[in-house]
Amino acid sequence: MSTFTSLSKLNVGDQAVVGDLSECTPDYRRLLAQMGILPGTPITVTRKAPLGDPVEIELRGYRLSLRKKEALPLPLIKVRSPHEAF
C-alpha cells in the first residue's frame, strides 16, 4: 500500500507521482487539471524558496510554482529521492 505525502515534505530532486484526487473538491480537481496535474502524473521537485514557499515542480516538460496552501491537499506518492541508495 502506498503512503501519501505532501509537496512540502519533499526535498529538491525528489520524485513523486500524483495520487488519487477523489478526496479533493471538484473546484480543486478542475484547477489541477488545468495545470496538467492528473492522477499518475510524475513530478520532480526542482526548487524551493528559502522559507519553503513556493515550491517549484517539473511535470509534463514544464515548471510550475505552487504555494504551500495550493499544494497542501495534493496527494503525492514519493517514488525516489536522489539521496537514497539503490
C-alpha atoms as a PDB file:
ATOM      1  CA  MET A   1       0.000   0.000   0.000  1.00  0.00           C
ATOM      2  CA  SER A   2       1.303   3.440  -0.889  1.00  0.00           C
ATOM      3  CA  THR A   3       1.623   6.230   1.617  1.00  0.00           C
ATOM      4  CA  PHE A   4       0.669   9.714   0.557  1.00  0.00           C
ATOM      5  CA  THR A   5       2.911  12.657   1.322  1.00  0.00           C
ATOM      6  CA  SER A   6       2.676  16.382   0.733  1.00  0.00           C
ATOM      7  CA  LEU A   7       4.752  18.573  -1.540  1.00  0.00           C
ATOM      8  CA  SER A   8       6.150  20.484   1.445  1.00  0.00           C
ATOM      9  CA  LYS A   9       7.727  17.262   2.798  1.00  0.00           C
ATOM     10  CA  LEU A  10       9.640  16.536  -0.407  1.00  0.00           C
ATOM     11  CA  ASN A  11      13.174  17.807  -0.987  1.00  0.00           C
ATOM     12  CA  VAL A  12      14.736  19.216  -4.137  1.00  0.00           C
ATOM     13  CA  GLY A  13      15.356  16.355  -6.553  1.00  0.00           C
ATOM     14  CA  ASP A  14      12.689  14.086  -5.060  1.00  0.00           C
ATOM     15  CA  GLN A  15      10.320  12.453  -7.495  1.00  0.00           C
ATOM     16  CA  ALA A  16       6.681  11.612  -6.839  1.00  0.00           C
ATOM     17  CA  VAL A  17       3.517  10.608  -8.639  1.00  0.00           C
ATOM     18  CA  VAL A  18       0.163  12.328  -8.186  1.00  0.00           C
ATOM     19  CA  GLY A  19      -2.209  10.050  -6.299  1.00  0.00           C
ATOM     20  CA  ASP A  20      -5.982   9.689  -6.268  1.00  0.00           C
ATOM     21  CA  LEU A  21      -7.756  13.059  -6.355  1.00  0.00           C
ATOM     22  CA  SER A  22     -11.218  11.770  -5.412  1.00  0.00           C
ATOM     23  CA  GLU A  23     -10.937  13.270  -1.908  1.00  0.00           C
ATOM     24  CA  CYS A  24     -10.252  16.748  -3.344  1.00  0.00           C
ATOM     25  CA  THR A  25     -13.039  19.223  -4.013  1.00  0.00           C
ATOM     26  CA  PRO A  26     -14.346  19.466  -7.587  1.00  0.00           C
ATOM     27  CA  ASP A  27     -13.025  23.029  -7.912  1.00  0.00           C
ATOM     28  CA  TYR A  28      -9.552  21.971  -6.780  1.00  0.00           C
ATOM     29  CA  ARG A  29      -9.551  18.965  -9.157  1.00  0.00           C
ATOM     30  CA  ARG A  30     -10.532  21.296 -12.010  1.00  0.00           C
ATOM     31  CA  LEU A  31      -7.699  23.703 -11.129  1.00  0.00           C
ATOM     32  CA  LEU A  32      -5.190  20.845 -11.020  1.00  0.00           C
ATOM     33  CA  ALA A  33      -6.422  19.508 -14.367  1.00  0.00           C
ATOM     34  CA  GLN A  34      -5.998  22.949 -15.935  1.00  0.00           C
ATOM     35  CA  MET A  35      -2.360  22.867 -14.805  1.00  0.00           C
ATOM     36  CA  GLY A  36      -1.860  19.336 -16.173  1.00  0.00           C
ATOM     37  CA  ILE A  37      -1.773  17.704 -12.747  1.00  0.00           C
ATOM     38  CA  LEU A  38      -3.755  14.473 -13.069  1.00  0.00           C
ATOM     39  CA  PRO A  39      -3.587  11.154 -11.189  1.00  0.00           C
ATOM     40  CA  GLY A  40      -0.481   9.245 -12.236  1.00  0.00           C
ATOM     41  CA  THR A  41       1.406  12.355 -13.366  1.00  0.00           C
ATOM     42  CA  PRO A  42       5.090  12.121 -12.372  1.00  0.00           C
ATOM     43  CA  ILE A  43       6.586  15.259 -10.818  1.00  0.00           C
ATOM     44  CA  THR A  44      10.071  16.297  -9.704  1.00  0.00           C
ATOM     45  CA  VAL A  45      10.774  18.985  -7.105  1.00  0.00           C
ATOM     46  CA  THR A  46      13.197  21.368  -8.822  1.00  0.00           C
ATOM     47  CA  ARG A  47      13.469  24.305  -6.392  1.00  0.00           C
ATOM     48  CA  LYS A  48      12.235  25.558  -3.043  1.00  0.00           C
ATOM     49  CA  ALA A  49      12.219  29.116  -1.781  1.00  0.00           C
ATOM     50  CA  PRO A  50      14.377  29.751   1.316  1.00  0.00           C
ATOM     51  CA  LEU A  51      11.380  29.528   3.645  1.00  0.00           C
ATOM     52  CA  GLY A  52       9.842  26.665   1.658  1.00  0.00           C
ATOM     53  CA  ASP A  53       7.127  28.677  -0.047  1.00  0.00           C
ATOM     54  CA  PRO A  54       6.649  28.475  -3.023  1.00  0.00           C
ATOM     55  CA  VAL A  55       7.879  25.120  -4.336  1.00  0.00           C
ATOM     56  CA  GLU A  56       8.757  24.654  -7.994  1.00  0.00           C
ATOM     57  CA  ILE A  57       7.949  21.328  -9.630  1.00  0.00           C
ATOM     58  CA  GLU A  58       8.603  19.956 -13.091  1.00  0.00           C
ATOM     59  CA  LEU A  59       5.931  17.961 -14.877  1.00  0.00           C
ATOM     60  CA  ARG A  60       5.000  17.253 -18.486  1.00  0.00           C
ATOM     61  CA  GLY A  61       8.028  19.223 -19.742  1.00  0.00           C
ATOM     62  CA  TYR A  62       7.362  22.488 -17.925  1.00  0.00           C
ATOM     63  CA  ARG A  63       7.973  24.006 -14.497  1.00  0.00           C
ATOM     64  CA  LEU A  64       5.244  25.175 -12.168  1.00  0.00           C
ATOM     65  CA  SER A  65       5.460  27.017  -8.833  1.00  0.00           C
ATOM     66  CA  LEU A  66       2.875  26.260  -6.172  1.00  0.00           C
ATOM     67  CA  ARG A  67       2.336  27.869  -2.802  1.00  0.00           C
ATOM     68  CA  LYS A  68       2.051  25.594   0.228  1.00  0.00           C
ATOM     69  CA  LYS A  69      -1.622  26.473   0.565  1.00  0.00           C
ATOM     70  CA  GLU A  70      -2.264  25.446  -3.055  1.00  0.00           C
ATOM     71  CA  ALA A  71      -0.266  22.242  -2.785  1.00  0.00           C
ATOM     72  CA  LEU A  72      -1.384  21.062   0.662  1.00  0.00           C
ATOM     73  CA  PRO A  73      -4.359  18.954  -0.464  1.00  0.00           C
ATOM     74  CA  LEU A  74      -2.386  17.422  -3.371  1.00  0.00           C
ATOM     75  CA  PRO A  75      -1.845  13.697  -2.627  1.00  0.00           C
ATOM     76  CA  LEU A  76       1.606  12.547  -3.767  1.00  0.00           C
ATOM     77  CA  ILE A  77       3.288   9.165  -3.667  1.00  0.00           C
ATOM     78  CA  LYS A  78       7.054   9.532  -3.247  1.00  0.00           C
ATOM     79  CA  VAL A  79       8.855   7.475  -5.855  1.00  0.00           C
ATOM     80  CA  ARG A  80      12.518   8.281  -5.455  1.00  0.00           C
ATOM     81  CA  SER A  81      14.945  10.581  -3.760  1.00  0.00           C
ATOM     82  CA  PRO A  82      18.356  11.290  -5.336  1.00  0.00           C
ATOM     83  CA  HIS A  83      19.849  10.910  -1.848  1.00  0.00           C
ATOM     84  CA  GLU A  84      18.637   7.302  -1.410  1.00  0.00           C
ATOM     85  CA  ALA A  85      20.856   4.393  -2.327  1.00  0.00           C
ATOM     86  CA  PHE A  86      19.562   1.956  -4.922  1.00  0.00           C
END
